[in-house]
């Protein structure tokens, strides 16, 4: 039987994350344009929390952990899910999934910049080259001319929102990695007082559950203060929007985020984040399957370039040996 290494499993989980996020982007764009990003963000987190509660109970993922790890996961949820995803959903609603995905694909760069001082990770020249090639392929695909009706507001505000989403994802990923117990020996690990005697390994389902709950609480409080809860309840009665939200919640914050956390425990943060960034490329065949759109030669070339970058990342050690 073929034994798979931890890095191979991590890379596979990261690619699975990208596929889930590609599916979720299609569903969430549909829902956001029906009920708005604020209501969407609340409802999809409720759905995800319910699904994750069942999953955690089924696999026995609920455990006690040091407060420092729980705090990191909580702040990670606020950064990535409350703030980052709210900004990203605004971008999807405003400038559409193709442009929004392009700007969001910058998050590996923010992740790498944060991981160097906080996690002590290093960027080899092969890793940098693979990241550049992957992002170039992604950019080539999503910069293709916008379709009629794709823009629903200010282009620049949409770009700003997607940039906020990219920063939120990067911060959330870095904090989550240490919160899961995978940042052993890093500056951030030491700064919060974790060591081999206190650190525990947290199941990705439970880590995701903590992030979702802590990401939802500020949204709920903000909605209550604004008197926006009736609007959220009204949105929940929109059948088409809720069908899309349910599908997006399953693929996004449930399966996708759980896979992303698993990937972060197995490979360096910048590698996982770059593989996550192939999601916009994976949207291309999904659009063809679900919406029967024609796939252009430019889209095919961009996908191939992005895949070449992924190969450079996952095979970087062998490439270094050959060179």
Protein backbone atom coordinates (compact mmCIF):
# COMPACT_ATOMS: atom_id res chain seq x y z
CA UNK A 1 0.00 0.00 0.00
CA UNK A 2 1.30 3.45 -0.91
CA UNK A 3 2.08 5.48 2.21
CA UNK A 4 1.40 9.19 1.92
CA UNK A 5 3.60 11.68 3.76
CA UNK A 6 2.19 14.35 6.02
CA UNK A 7 3.15 17.04 3.50
CA UNK A 8 1.42 15.16 0.69
CA UNK A 9 -1.74 14.84 2.76
CA UNK A 10 -1.46 18.51 3.69
CA UNK A 11 -1.10 19.56 0.05
CA UNK A 12 -4.08 17.38 -0.87
CA UNK A 13 -6.14 18.97 1.89
CA UNK A 14 -5.12 22.43 0.67
CA UNK A 15 -6.25 21.61 -2.88
CA UNK A 16 -9.49 20.19 -1.47
CA UNK A 17 -9.90 23.48 0.37
CA UNK A 18 -9.49 25.38 -2.90
CA UNK A 19 -12.16 23.26 -4.59
CA UNK A 20 -14.58 23.77 -1.68
CA UNK A 21 -13.98 27.51 -1.68
CA UNK A 22 -14.50 27.67 -5.44
CA UNK A 23 -17.91 26.03 -5.01
CA UNK A 24 -18.72 28.23 -2.02
CA UNK A 25 -17.86 31.41 -3.96
CA UNK A 26 -20.47 30.57 -6.60
CA UNK A 27 -23.16 29.84 -4.01
CA UNK A 28 -22.35 32.83 -1.78
CA UNK A 29 -22.29 35.27 -4.70
CA UNK A 30 -25.81 34.13 -5.58
CA UNK A 31 -27.01 34.48 -1.98
CA UNK A 32 -25.28 37.82 -1.28
CA UNK A 33 -26.97 39.44 -4.26
CA UNK A 34 -30.35 38.26 -2.97
CA UNK A 35 -30.14 39.12 0.75
CA UNK A 36 -26.93 41.17 1.22
CA UNK A 37 -23.55 40.21 2.67
CA UNK A 38 -24.36 41.07 6.32
CA UNK A 39 -27.34 38.73 6.60
CA UNK A 40 -25.52 36.09 4.57
CA UNK A 41 -22.52 36.13 6.89
CA UNK A 42 -24.67 35.57 9.99
CA UNK A 43 -26.83 32.82 8.50
CA UNK A 44 -24.01 30.81 6.97
CA UNK A 45 -22.11 30.85 10.29
CA UNK A 46 -25.17 29.53 12.15
CA UNK A 47 -25.47 26.70 9.62
CA UNK A 48 -21.76 25.94 9.88
CA UNK A 49 -21.83 25.92 13.70
CA UNK A 50 -24.68 23.39 13.71
CA UNK A 51 -22.89 21.15 11.20
CA UNK A 52 -19.60 21.38 13.08
CA UNK A 53 -21.26 20.65 16.43
CA UNK A 54 -22.58 17.39 15.02
CA UNK A 55 -19.22 16.57 13.42
CA UNK A 56 -17.28 17.31 16.62
CA UNK A 57 -19.62 15.15 18.67
CA UNK A 58 -19.36 12.31 16.14
CA UNK A 59 -15.55 12.19 16.09
CA UNK A 60 -15.08 13.14 19.75
CA UNK A 61 -13.25 16.37 18.91
CA UNK A 62 -14.37 18.40 21.95
CA UNK A 63 -11.39 18.61 24.33
CA UNK A 64 -9.95 20.89 26.98
CA UNK A 65 -7.11 23.13 25.84
CA UNK A 66 -4.90 25.90 27.20
CA UNK A 67 -6.63 29.28 27.29
CA UNK A 68 -3.87 30.72 25.12
CA UNK A 69 -4.67 28.30 22.29
CA UNK A 70 -8.40 28.90 22.60
CA UNK A 71 -7.79 32.67 22.55
CA UNK A 72 -5.71 32.43 19.40
CA UNK A 73 -8.45 30.44 17.68
CA UNK A 74 -11.06 32.95 18.87
CA UNK A 75 -9.14 35.96 17.55
CA UNK A 76 -8.45 34.01 14.37
CA UNK A 77 -12.20 33.57 13.90
CA UNK A 78 -12.89 37.27 14.40
CA UNK A 79 -10.12 38.30 12.00
CA UNK A 80 -10.88 35.77 9.30
CA UNK A 81 -14.63 35.18 9.58
CA UNK A 82 -16.19 38.28 11.16
CA UNK A 83 -14.07 40.93 9.47
CA UNK A 84 -12.29 39.23 6.59
CA UNK A 85 -15.24 37.31 5.19
CA UNK A 86 -17.60 40.27 5.61
CA UNK A 87 -15.23 42.35 3.48
CA UNK A 88 -14.88 39.53 0.94
CA UNK A 89 -18.63 38.97 0.66
CA UNK A 90 -19.04 42.69 0.01
CA UNK A 91 -16.53 42.31 -2.81
CA UNK A 92 -18.39 39.30 -4.24
CA UNK A 93 -21.64 41.25 -4.08
CA UNK A 94 -20.08 44.34 -5.66
CA UNK A 95 -17.45 43.28 -8.21
CA UNK A 96 -18.33 39.61 -8.69
CA UNK A 97 -16.46 36.37 -8.02
CA UNK A 98 -13.81 36.77 -10.74
CA UNK A 99 -12.42 40.15 -9.69
CA UNK A 100 -13.04 39.44 -6.01
CA UNK A 101 -11.15 36.16 -6.27
CA UNK A 102 -8.24 37.91 -8.02
CA UNK A 103 -7.66 40.35 -5.18
CA UNK A 104 -8.27 37.67 -2.54
CA UNK A 105 -5.54 35.58 -4.18
CA UNK A 106 -3.04 38.07 -2.73
CA UNK A 107 -3.50 36.50 0.71
CA UNK A 108 -0.53 34.10 0.34
CA UNK A 109 1.70 37.15 0.11
CA UNK A 110 0.28 38.58 3.34
CA UNK A 111 0.51 35.12 4.93
CA UNK A 112 4.16 34.75 3.97
CA UNK A 113 5.04 38.21 5.27
CA UNK A 114 3.39 37.44 8.61
CA UNK A 115 4.74 33.89 8.87
CA UNK A 116 8.36 34.97 8.61
CA UNK A 117 8.45 36.94 11.90
CA UNK A 118 5.60 35.20 13.74
CA UNK A 119 6.21 31.54 12.85
CA UNK A 120 9.87 31.60 11.87
CA UNK A 121 9.12 30.16 8.43
CA UNK A 122 11.49 30.80 5.53
CA UNK A 123 10.90 31.45 1.86
CA UNK A 124 13.22 29.44 -0.38
CA UNK A 125 13.72 30.71 -3.90
CA UNK A 126 11.85 27.67 -5.28
CA UNK A 127 8.93 28.37 -2.97
CA UNK A 128 8.89 32.02 -4.01
CA UNK A 129 9.02 31.04 -7.69
CA UNK A 130 6.17 28.56 -7.24
CA UNK A 131 4.08 31.15 -5.45
CA UNK A 132 4.70 33.74 -8.17
CA UNK A 133 3.87 31.29 -10.96
CA UNK A 134 0.71 30.12 -9.22
CA UNK A 135 -0.53 33.64 -8.59
CA UNK A 136 0.35 34.65 -12.15
CA UNK A 137 -1.84 31.85 -13.47
CA UNK A 138 -4.66 32.83 -11.14
CA UNK A 139 -4.37 36.47 -12.17
CA UNK A 140 -4.35 35.55 -15.86
CA UNK A 141 -7.65 33.72 -15.42
CA UNK A 142 -9.55 36.19 -13.28
CA UNK A 143 -8.35 39.33 -15.11
CA UNK A 144 -10.16 38.23 -18.22
CA UNK A 145 -12.65 40.86 -19.35
CA UNK A 146 -15.66 41.10 -17.06
CA UNK A 147 -18.98 39.77 -18.26
CA UNK A 148 -21.96 42.08 -18.66
CA UNK A 149 -23.68 42.70 -15.31
CA UNK A 150 -20.73 41.54 -13.19
CA UNK A 151 -20.25 44.91 -11.45
CA UNK A 152 -22.89 45.90 -8.89
CA UNK A 153 -21.33 48.99 -7.31
CA UNK A 154 -18.00 50.76 -6.93
CA UNK A 155 -15.05 48.91 -8.44
CA UNK A 156 -12.57 50.45 -6.01
CA UNK A 157 -14.67 49.80 -2.91
CA UNK A 158 -15.03 46.21 -4.08
CA UNK A 159 -11.27 45.90 -4.52
CA UNK A 160 -10.75 47.40 -1.06
CA UNK A 161 -13.18 44.86 0.38
CA UNK A 162 -11.41 41.94 -1.27
CA UNK A 163 -8.05 43.24 -0.01
CA UNK A 164 -9.50 43.35 3.50
CA UNK A 165 -10.63 39.76 2.99
CA UNK A 166 -7.10 38.76 1.96
CA UNK A 167 -5.55 40.36 5.04
CA UNK A 168 -8.20 38.81 7.29
CA UNK A 169 -7.55 35.35 5.83
CA UNK A 170 -3.80 35.73 6.33
CA UNK A 171 -4.10 36.84 9.96
CA UNK A 172 -6.67 34.13 10.65
CA UNK A 173 -4.46 31.43 9.13
CA UNK A 174 -1.38 32.39 11.13
CA UNK A 175 -3.24 32.57 14.45
CA UNK A 176 -5.15 29.35 13.74
CA UNK A 177 -1.97 27.38 13.03
CA UNK A 178 -0.57 28.13 16.50
CA UNK A 179 -4.01 27.75 18.08
CA UNK A 180 -4.24 24.23 16.68
CA UNK A 181 -0.93 23.37 18.33
CA UNK A 182 1.10 23.27 15.11
CA UNK A 183 3.35 26.29 15.65
CA UNK A 184 5.82 24.59 18.02
CA UNK A 185 8.86 26.73 18.78
CA UNK A 186 7.69 29.76 16.81
CA UNK A 187 7.91 33.29 18.19
CA UNK A 188 4.12 33.48 18.47
CA UNK A 189 4.01 30.09 20.22
CA UNK A 190 6.53 31.29 22.82
CA UNK A 191 4.88 34.71 23.13
CA UNK A 192 1.59 33.18 24.31
CA UNK A 193 3.36 30.85 26.74
CA UNK A 194 2.99 27.52 24.94
CA UNK A 195 5.55 24.73 25.14
CA UNK A 196 5.67 20.94 24.79
CA UNK A 197 4.22 20.43 28.27
CA UNK A 198 1.17 22.68 27.78
CA UNK A 199 0.42 22.58 24.05
CA UNK A 200 -2.28 20.20 22.81
CA UNK A 201 -3.20 19.09 19.31
CA UNK A 202 -6.67 20.36 18.42
CA UNK A 203 -8.85 18.53 15.91
CA UNK A 204 -9.54 20.71 12.83
CA UNK A 205 -13.30 20.29 13.36
CA UNK A 206 -13.06 21.66 16.91
CA UNK A 207 -10.68 24.41 15.90
CA UNK A 208 -13.09 25.44 13.15
CA UNK A 209 -16.03 25.28 15.59
CA UNK A 210 -14.27 27.68 17.99
CA UNK A 211 -13.45 30.05 15.13
CA UNK A 212 -17.06 29.97 13.86
CA UNK A 213 -18.63 30.59 17.28
CA UNK A 214 -16.24 33.44 18.09
CA UNK A 215 -16.69 34.89 14.62
CA UNK A 216 -20.48 34.77 14.94
CA UNK A 217 -20.81 36.45 18.36
CA UNK A 218 -19.58 39.91 17.22
CA UNK A 219 -21.84 39.74 14.16
CA UNK A 220 -24.84 38.89 16.32
CA UNK A 221 -24.06 41.69 18.78
CA UNK A 222 -23.58 44.20 15.97
CA UNK A 223 -26.85 43.14 14.32
CA UNK A 224 -28.70 43.50 17.62
CA UNK A 225 -27.27 46.98 18.23
CA UNK A 226 -28.23 48.06 14.71
CA UNK A 227 -31.69 46.55 15.01
CA UNK A 228 -30.86 44.40 11.99
CA UNK A 229 -31.98 41.03 13.38
CA UNK A 230 -35.46 41.30 11.80
CA UNK A 231 -33.81 41.80 8.43
CA UNK A 232 -31.70 38.68 8.97
CA UNK A 233 -34.79 36.67 9.92
CA UNK A 234 -36.54 37.99 6.81
CA UNK A 235 -33.54 36.93 4.70
CA UNK A 236 -33.77 33.44 6.21
CA UNK A 237 -37.23 33.10 4.67
CA UNK A 238 -35.87 33.66 1.16
CA UNK A 239 -35.92 30.10 -0.16
CA UNK A 240 -33.54 30.54 -3.10
CA UNK A 241 -31.04 32.51 -1.04
CA UNK A 242 -31.14 29.95 1.77
CA UNK A 243 -30.59 27.03 -0.59
CA UNK A 244 -27.50 28.75 -1.95
CA UNK A 245 -26.37 29.71 1.57
CA UNK A 246 -26.76 26.14 2.84
CA UNK A 247 -24.70 24.76 -0.05
CA UNK A 248 -22.08 27.46 0.41
CA UNK A 249 -21.91 26.85 4.17
CA UNK A 250 -21.32 23.13 3.67
CA UNK A 251 -18.51 23.66 1.17
CA UNK A 252 -17.08 26.85 2.72
CA UNK A 253 -16.99 27.18 6.52
CA UNK A 254 -17.70 23.48 7.21
CA UNK A 255 -15.67 21.27 4.89
CA UNK A 256 -13.43 23.93 3.35
CA UNK A 257 -12.28 25.67 6.52
CA UNK A 258 -11.78 22.35 8.32
CA UNK A 259 -9.60 21.10 5.45
CA UNK A 260 -7.68 24.38 5.47
CA UNK A 261 -6.87 24.02 9.17
CA UNK A 262 -5.72 20.43 8.64
CA UNK A 263 -3.50 21.60 5.77
CA UNK A 264 -1.97 24.31 7.96
CA UNK A 265 -0.87 21.65 10.47
CA UNK A 266 0.97 19.68 7.77
CA UNK A 267 2.68 22.23 5.51
CA UNK A 268 4.18 25.71 5.83
CA UNK A 269 1.62 28.49 5.96
CA UNK A 270 2.70 30.18 2.74
CA UNK A 271 2.53 26.90 0.81
CA UNK A 272 -0.96 26.10 2.10
CA UNK A 273 -2.13 29.65 1.42
CA UNK A 274 -0.79 29.58 -2.14
CA UNK A 275 -2.58 26.29 -2.86
CA UNK A 276 -5.75 27.80 -1.39
CA UNK A 277 -5.35 30.60 -3.93
CA UNK A 278 -5.99 28.23 -6.85
CA UNK A 279 -9.72 28.42 -6.02
CA UNK A 280 -10.38 31.08 -8.70
CA UNK A 281 -8.91 28.78 -11.34
CA UNK A 282 -11.10 25.91 -10.18
CA UNK A 283 -14.13 28.15 -10.62
CA UNK A 284 -13.63 27.92 -14.40
CA UNK A 285 -14.71 24.28 -14.92
CA UNK A 286 -17.42 24.69 -12.28
CA UNK A 287 -18.90 27.61 -14.19
CA UNK A 288 -18.82 25.45 -17.31
CA UNK A 289 -20.58 22.57 -15.53
CA UNK A 290 -23.24 24.56 -13.69
CA UNK A 291 -23.80 27.54 -15.98
CA UNK A 292 -22.73 26.15 -19.37
CA UNK A 293 -20.37 29.08 -19.97
CA UNK A 294 -17.75 28.72 -22.69
CA UNK A 295 -14.21 28.18 -21.37
CA UNK A 296 -11.82 30.45 -23.27
CA UNK A 297 -8.23 29.54 -24.28
CA UNK A 298 -7.03 32.20 -21.86
CA UNK A 299 -8.76 30.40 -19.00
CA UNK A 300 -7.14 27.09 -19.98
CA UNK A 301 -3.67 28.65 -20.23
CA UNK A 302 -4.09 30.34 -16.86
CA UNK A 303 -5.18 27.07 -15.26
CA UNK A 304 -2.14 25.25 -16.66
CA UNK A 305 0.22 27.97 -15.43
CA UNK A 306 -1.34 27.85 -11.96
CA UNK A 307 -1.02 24.05 -11.88
CA UNK A 308 2.66 24.38 -12.81
CA UNK A 309 3.11 26.69 -9.84
CA UNK A 310 1.35 24.20 -7.57
CA UNK A 311 3.70 21.47 -8.78
CA UNK A 312 6.71 23.66 -7.99
CA UNK A 313 5.42 24.18 -4.47
CA UNK A 314 4.58 20.57 -3.69
CA UNK A 315 7.77 19.17 -5.29
CA UNK A 316 10.08 21.94 -4.12
CA UNK A 317 12.38 19.63 -2.13
CA UNK A 318 12.90 17.25 -5.05
CA UNK A 319 13.50 20.18 -7.38
CA UNK A 320 16.12 21.54 -4.97
CA UNK A 321 17.84 18.13 -4.89
CA UNK A 322 17.93 17.98 -8.68
CA UNK A 323 19.44 21.45 -8.86
